[in-house]
Amino acid sequence: MKAIVVTDQAAGTAGMTLADRPKPEAAGNDVLLEVYASGYTPGELTWPGTWTDRLGRDRTPSIPGHEVAGVVSALGYGTRGLTVGQRVFGLTDWTRDGTLAEYAAVEARNLAPLPGDVDFTVGASLPISGLTAWQGLFVHGRFQVGQTVLVHGAAGGVGSMVTQLAREAGAHVIGTGRVADRQKAVDFGAHEFLDLDNETLEDVGGVDLVFDVIGGDVGKRSAGLVRAGGMLVSIAGPPEAQPKDGLAVDFVVEADRAQLAEVVRRVREGRLRTNIGRVADLDDAVAAFNPAERAKGKSVIRVRR
């Protein structure tokens, strides 16, 4: 099969190549997928799991990409809950070969049914952004109706999902970003927008929940905005400061079939829009990952049409 492979962490996306790789087999509780589309996150080239297995052993050449939409072509021993020929999407294991390939072996529990009226490209764009937003708001953030939520990077892949889910759930949403992101953040549902380059973060006042995708100084200053009993939720690493009378938590997104179903249901009903930036075919993926200018939104690779 054709696949995108990486062998040198220092080379970044410049070290990616399109190569022939053995077609994987479905182990116990796995499914073998015909991959139709794969989502890609540039940061994954810095993740340990891209380069080593669970025991810390080198596993290169490895195949990146951990968001997938495709069709089940085979079931491993003992696999339940899915059937051959079924359309599915989901989030794959961090320490196994990923989905920038014509086939991928994936644990069945990491996948959810993809309705026939949802395009594979859309399906592949949802798992990381959708699950991160859902878990950060409703699992770790303990969101309650009527709260004020500050969303950093509100026009980005994760931030736009947080903005939409929070607003629909009854939040007053304040988005942040650069001045060029203002209209996009508002279009995704932010009630207010703060330009981090030219406006003062502290002018936001008190909020009940901060969703931080930036970290560093922005994350540190955000801790001071959290009201008593509030939460600072970060996906940018452990927060450098704690809210005075609240809690701070950082987390790594996990696959969850029920949550995936909730996300895609909202997409079908027109209540949630994905944020796709660049779409390319597998043969053109390497060039797409080394663009002249940075893409705004999720990068998705179409493997089959």
Protein backbone atom coordinates (compact mmCIF):
# COMPACT_ATOMS: atom_id res chain seq x y z
CA MET A 1 0.00 0.00 0.00
CA LYS A 2 0.98 3.66 -0.33
CA ALA A 3 1.63 5.58 2.86
CA ILE A 4 3.27 8.73 4.15
CA VAL A 5 6.22 7.78 6.38
CA VAL A 6 8.59 9.67 8.66
CA THR A 7 12.03 8.54 9.84
CA ASP A 8 13.74 11.63 11.27
CA GLN A 9 12.17 13.74 14.01
CA ALA A 10 14.62 16.61 13.42
CA ALA A 11 13.53 16.90 9.79
CA GLY A 12 9.89 17.64 10.60
CA THR A 13 7.49 17.63 7.66
CA ALA A 14 10.45 18.00 5.31
CA GLY A 15 11.39 14.44 6.23
CA MET A 16 8.06 12.99 5.09
CA THR A 17 8.01 10.73 2.04
CA LEU A 18 5.41 8.80 0.09
CA ALA A 19 6.47 5.15 0.20
CA ASP A 20 5.29 1.58 -0.25
CA ARG A 21 4.56 -0.14 3.06
CA PRO A 22 3.18 -3.57 3.95
CA LYS A 23 -0.58 -3.70 4.27
CA PRO A 24 -1.38 -4.11 7.99
CA GLU A 25 -3.39 -6.95 9.46
CA ALA A 26 -6.20 -6.66 11.96
CA ALA A 27 -5.12 -8.09 15.33
CA GLY A 28 -7.55 -9.14 18.04
CA ASN A 29 -10.25 -6.52 18.66
CA ASP A 30 -8.99 -4.52 15.64
CA VAL A 31 -10.58 -3.67 12.34
CA LEU A 32 -8.73 -3.18 9.09
CA LEU A 33 -9.89 0.02 7.45
CA GLU A 34 -9.86 1.12 3.88
CA VAL A 35 -8.88 4.71 4.57
CA TYR A 36 -10.85 7.30 2.61
CA ALA A 37 -9.64 10.39 4.46
CA SER A 38 -7.12 11.19 7.19
CA GLY A 39 -6.80 14.22 9.43
CA TYR A 40 -3.33 15.47 10.23
CA THR A 41 -2.06 17.63 13.12
CA PRO A 42 1.43 19.16 12.63
CA GLY A 43 2.21 18.91 16.33
CA GLU A 44 2.17 15.12 16.23
CA LEU A 45 5.71 15.09 14.85
CA THR A 46 6.82 16.19 18.33
CA TRP A 47 4.81 13.52 20.14
CA PRO A 48 6.85 10.60 21.56
CA GLY A 49 4.34 8.07 20.25
CA THR A 50 5.13 9.02 16.66
CA TRP A 51 8.67 7.74 17.09
CA THR A 52 8.59 5.06 19.80
CA ASP A 53 6.27 2.31 20.97
CA ARG A 54 4.78 1.97 24.45
CA LEU A 55 8.07 0.52 25.74
CA GLY A 56 10.11 3.40 24.36
CA ARG A 57 11.60 1.42 21.47
CA ASP A 58 12.21 3.07 18.12
CA ARG A 59 9.43 2.24 15.67
CA THR A 60 10.45 4.21 12.61
CA PRO A 61 9.70 4.35 9.76
CA SER A 62 6.31 5.26 11.15
CA ILE A 63 3.08 6.43 9.54
CA PRO A 64 1.59 9.60 11.07
CA GLY A 65 -2.03 10.73 11.11
CA HIS A 66 -4.48 9.75 13.85
CA GLU A 67 -7.86 10.89 12.58
CA VAL A 68 -9.59 8.67 10.10
CA ALA A 69 -12.73 8.09 8.10
CA GLY A 70 -13.12 4.96 6.05
CA VAL A 71 -14.78 1.60 5.49
CA VAL A 72 -14.24 -1.57 7.50
CA SER A 73 -12.67 -4.20 5.23
CA ALA A 74 -11.84 -6.92 7.79
CA LEU A 75 -12.39 -7.78 11.45
CA GLY A 76 -9.77 -9.09 13.83
CA TYR A 77 -10.40 -12.03 16.15
CA GLY A 78 -13.02 -11.19 18.77
CA THR A 79 -13.93 -7.81 17.28
CA ARG A 80 -17.50 -6.79 18.06
CA GLY A 81 -19.73 -3.80 17.44
CA LEU A 82 -18.72 -3.11 13.83
CA THR A 83 -19.26 -4.95 10.54
CA VAL A 84 -17.40 -5.37 7.26
CA GLY A 85 -18.48 -2.68 4.80
CA GLN A 86 -19.51 -0.22 7.52
CA ARG A 87 -18.55 3.46 7.25
CA VAL A 88 -16.71 4.60 10.38
CA PHE A 89 -14.58 7.43 11.74
CA GLY A 90 -12.47 7.91 14.82
CA LEU A 91 -9.23 8.55 16.63
CA THR A 92 -6.42 5.99 16.45
CA ASP A 93 -3.82 4.96 19.00
CA TRP A 94 -0.87 7.34 19.41
CA THR A 95 1.82 4.62 19.43
CA ARG A 96 0.71 2.64 16.38
CA ASP A 97 1.04 3.42 12.70
CA GLY A 98 -1.49 6.05 11.74
CA THR A 99 -3.89 6.82 8.95
CA LEU A 100 -1.94 8.62 6.21
CA ALA A 101 -2.10 5.38 4.26
CA GLU A 102 -4.40 3.35 2.07
CA TYR A 103 -5.11 0.94 4.95
CA ALA A 104 -4.92 1.19 8.74
CA ALA A 105 -5.41 -1.30 11.56
CA VAL A 106 -7.41 0.35 14.34
CA GLU A 107 -8.89 -0.80 17.64
CA ALA A 108 -12.62 -1.13 17.06
CA ARG A 109 -13.44 0.68 20.32
CA ASN A 110 -11.78 3.84 18.92
CA LEU A 111 -14.25 4.08 16.04
CA ALA A 112 -17.86 5.15 15.67
CA PRO A 113 -20.32 4.74 12.79
CA LEU A 114 -20.13 7.51 10.19
CA PRO A 115 -23.58 8.28 8.76
CA GLY A 116 -23.92 8.01 5.00
CA ASP A 117 -24.77 11.68 4.60
CA VAL A 118 -21.49 12.85 6.21
CA ASP A 119 -18.59 13.12 3.77
CA PHE A 120 -15.43 11.18 4.58
CA THR A 121 -13.41 14.42 4.48
CA VAL A 122 -15.65 15.94 7.12
CA GLY A 123 -15.52 12.76 9.18
CA ALA A 124 -11.72 12.77 9.22
CA SER A 125 -11.64 16.38 10.39
CA LEU A 126 -13.74 15.77 13.51
CA PRO A 127 -12.07 13.35 15.97
CA ILE A 128 -9.27 15.38 17.58
CA SER A 129 -10.97 18.77 17.45
CA GLY A 130 -14.42 17.48 18.35
CA LEU A 131 -13.38 15.14 21.15
CA THR A 132 -10.91 17.66 22.61
CA ALA A 133 -13.60 20.33 22.73
CA TRP A 134 -16.20 17.94 24.18
CA GLN A 135 -13.92 16.50 26.86
CA GLY A 136 -12.43 19.87 27.80
CA LEU A 137 -15.84 21.48 28.25
CA PHE A 138 -18.08 18.76 29.62
CA VAL A 139 -15.73 16.21 31.22
CA HIS A 140 -12.77 18.16 32.60
CA GLY A 141 -14.27 21.66 32.59
CA ARG A 142 -17.54 20.68 34.29
CA PHE A 143 -19.41 23.25 32.22
CA GLN A 144 -22.74 24.52 33.51
CA VAL A 145 -25.41 26.47 31.65
CA GLY A 146 -25.05 30.22 31.96
CA GLN A 147 -21.31 30.28 32.52
CA THR A 148 -18.90 32.64 30.78
CA VAL A 149 -16.27 30.73 28.78
CA LEU A 150 -13.02 32.23 27.50
CA VAL A 151 -11.77 30.34 24.44
CA HIS A 152 -8.20 30.99 23.33
CA GLY A 153 -7.60 30.40 19.62
CA ALA A 154 -11.33 30.62 18.94
CA ALA A 155 -10.86 30.56 15.16
CA GLY A 156 -8.64 27.46 15.17
CA GLY A 157 -9.49 23.80 14.74
CA VAL A 158 -10.12 23.06 18.42
CA GLY A 159 -11.13 26.56 19.46
CA SER A 160 -13.88 26.82 16.85
CA MET A 161 -15.37 23.56 18.13
CA VAL A 162 -15.20 24.76 21.74
CA THR A 163 -16.85 28.02 20.75
CA GLN A 164 -19.75 26.31 18.99
CA LEU A 165 -20.35 23.65 21.64
CA ALA A 166 -20.15 26.14 24.49
CA ARG A 167 -22.53 28.61 22.89
CA GLU A 168 -25.07 25.94 22.03
CA ALA A 169 -24.87 24.63 25.61
CA GLY A 170 -25.80 28.05 26.98
CA ALA A 171 -22.48 29.83 27.56
CA HIS A 172 -21.49 33.43 27.00
CA VAL A 173 -18.41 32.91 24.83
CA ILE A 174 -15.42 35.24 24.64
CA GLY A 175 -12.97 34.26 21.92
CA THR A 176 -9.37 35.33 21.55
CA GLY A 177 -6.83 35.32 18.75
CA ARG A 178 -5.21 37.69 16.31
CA VAL A 179 -7.08 40.60 14.78
CA ALA A 180 -7.48 38.71 11.48
CA ASP A 181 -9.33 35.95 13.35
CA ARG A 182 -12.07 38.21 14.72
CA GLN A 183 -14.73 37.67 12.07
CA LYS A 184 -14.12 33.93 11.86
CA ALA A 185 -14.44 33.54 15.64
CA VAL A 186 -17.67 35.54 15.61
CA ASP A 187 -19.00 33.46 12.73
CA PHE A 188 -18.37 30.33 14.80
CA GLY A 189 -20.41 31.80 17.66
CA ALA A 190 -18.22 33.98 19.88
CA HIS A 191 -20.25 36.74 21.53
CA GLU A 192 -17.13 38.83 22.06
CA PHE A 193 -13.58 38.75 20.70
CA LEU A 194 -10.28 39.96 22.15
CA ASP A 195 -7.24 40.59 19.94
CA LEU A 196 -4.31 39.26 21.97
CA ASP A 197 -1.79 41.34 20.02
CA ASN A 198 -3.44 44.71 20.60
CA GLU A 199 -5.86 44.38 23.51
CA THR A 200 -5.31 43.60 27.17
CA LEU A 201 -6.32 40.11 28.28
CA GLU A 202 -7.10 41.26 31.81
CA ASP A 203 -9.82 43.57 30.43
CA VAL A 204 -11.96 40.47 29.92
CA GLY A 205 -12.72 40.43 33.64
CA GLY A 206 -13.83 37.31 35.48
CA VAL A 207 -14.85 34.13 33.68
CA ASP A 208 -16.07 30.73 34.83
CA LEU A 209 -14.02 28.59 32.45
CA VAL A 210 -10.89 29.19 30.40
CA PHE A 211 -10.12 26.79 27.54
CA ASP A 212 -6.44 27.28 26.76
CA VAL A 213 -4.80 26.00 23.58
CA ILE A 214 -1.84 28.40 23.75
CA GLY A 215 -0.10 28.03 27.12
CA GLY A 216 2.93 30.10 28.10
CA ASP A 217 2.31 33.64 29.25
CA VAL A 218 -1.26 33.66 27.94
CA GLY A 219 -2.13 30.56 29.96
CA LYS A 220 -0.40 31.94 33.05
CA ARG A 221 -2.27 35.25 32.90
CA SER A 222 -5.54 33.48 32.21
CA ALA A 223 -5.41 31.81 35.63
CA GLY A 224 -6.02 35.20 37.18
CA LEU A 225 -9.30 35.58 35.29
CA VAL A 226 -10.96 32.49 36.73
CA ARG A 227 -13.75 33.22 39.20
CA ALA A 228 -14.15 31.36 42.47
CA GLY A 229 -15.11 27.77 41.76
CA GLY A 230 -14.12 28.10 38.09
CA MET A 231 -11.81 26.04 35.87
CA LEU A 232 -8.76 26.53 33.70
CA VAL A 233 -8.60 23.71 31.15
CA SER A 234 -5.43 23.38 29.08
CA ILE A 235 -4.30 21.24 26.17
CA ALA A 236 -0.98 23.15 26.02
CA GLY A 237 0.67 21.30 28.89
CA PRO A 238 0.44 21.72 32.68
CA PRO A 239 -0.70 25.27 33.53
CA GLU A 240 2.08 27.51 34.85
CA ALA A 241 -0.28 29.16 37.30
CA GLN A 242 -3.30 28.04 39.33
CA PRO A 243 -6.53 30.02 39.71
CA LYS A 244 -6.71 31.57 43.16
CA ASP A 245 -10.05 30.04 44.07
CA GLY A 246 -10.55 27.57 41.22
CA LEU A 247 -8.98 24.52 39.63
CA ALA A 248 -6.63 23.93 36.72
CA VAL A 249 -6.32 20.77 34.66
CA ASP A 250 -4.46 19.69 31.53
CA PHE A 251 -5.44 16.61 29.57
CA VAL A 252 -4.74 14.53 26.48
CA VAL A 253 -7.74 13.72 24.32
CA GLU A 254 -8.97 10.11 24.30
CA ALA A 255 -11.05 8.15 21.83
CA ASP A 256 -14.68 7.74 22.89
CA ARG A 257 -17.36 6.20 20.67
CA ALA A 258 -20.32 7.78 22.44
CA GLN A 259 -18.78 11.25 22.29
CA LEU A 260 -17.93 10.83 18.61
CA ALA A 261 -21.58 9.98 18.01
CA GLU A 262 -22.66 13.17 19.80
CA VAL A 263 -20.27 15.26 17.71
CA VAL A 264 -21.31 13.82 14.35
CA ARG A 265 -25.01 14.06 15.29
CA ARG A 266 -24.58 17.80 15.73
CA VAL A 267 -22.80 18.03 12.39
CA ARG A 268 -25.68 16.25 10.65
CA GLU A 269 -28.21 18.53 12.29
CA GLY A 270 -26.34 21.64 11.20
CA ARG A 271 -25.52 22.63 14.78
CA LEU A 272 -21.76 22.14 14.46
CA ARG A 273 -19.42 23.10 11.61
CA THR A 274 -15.99 21.64 11.09
CA ASN A 275 -13.02 23.89 10.37
CA ILE A 276 -11.17 22.46 7.36
CA GLY A 277 -8.24 24.44 6.01
CA ARG A 278 -6.35 22.43 3.39
CA VAL A 279 -7.48 19.30 1.53
CA ALA A 280 -5.06 17.30 -0.64
CA ASP A 281 -4.73 13.82 -2.14
CA LEU A 282 -2.27 11.30 -0.69
CA ASP A 283 0.08 11.74 -3.66
CA ASP A 284 0.24 15.46 -2.90
CA ALA A 285 0.31 15.22 0.89
CA VAL A 286 4.03 15.93 1.35
CA ALA A 287 3.76 19.18 -0.61
CA ALA A 288 0.60 20.10 1.33
CA PHE A 289 2.44 19.70 4.62
CA ASN A 290 5.22 22.04 3.44
CA PRO A 291 3.19 24.99 2.14
CA ALA A 292 4.34 28.47 1.25
CA GLU A 293 1.95 29.79 3.88
CA ARG A 294 0.34 28.30 6.96
CA ALA A 295 -3.09 26.76 6.51
CA LYS A 296 -5.89 28.02 8.74
CA GLY A 297 -7.92 25.07 9.90
CA LYS A 298 -7.58 21.29 9.85
CA SER A 299 -5.47 19.63 7.14
CA VAL A 300 -7.23 16.61 5.60
CA ILE A 301 -5.80 14.12 3.13
CA ARG A 302 -8.15 12.31 0.77
CA VAL A 303 -6.81 8.81 0.28
CA ARG A 304 -9.70 7.44 -1.80
CA ARG A 305 -12.54 9.11 -3.66
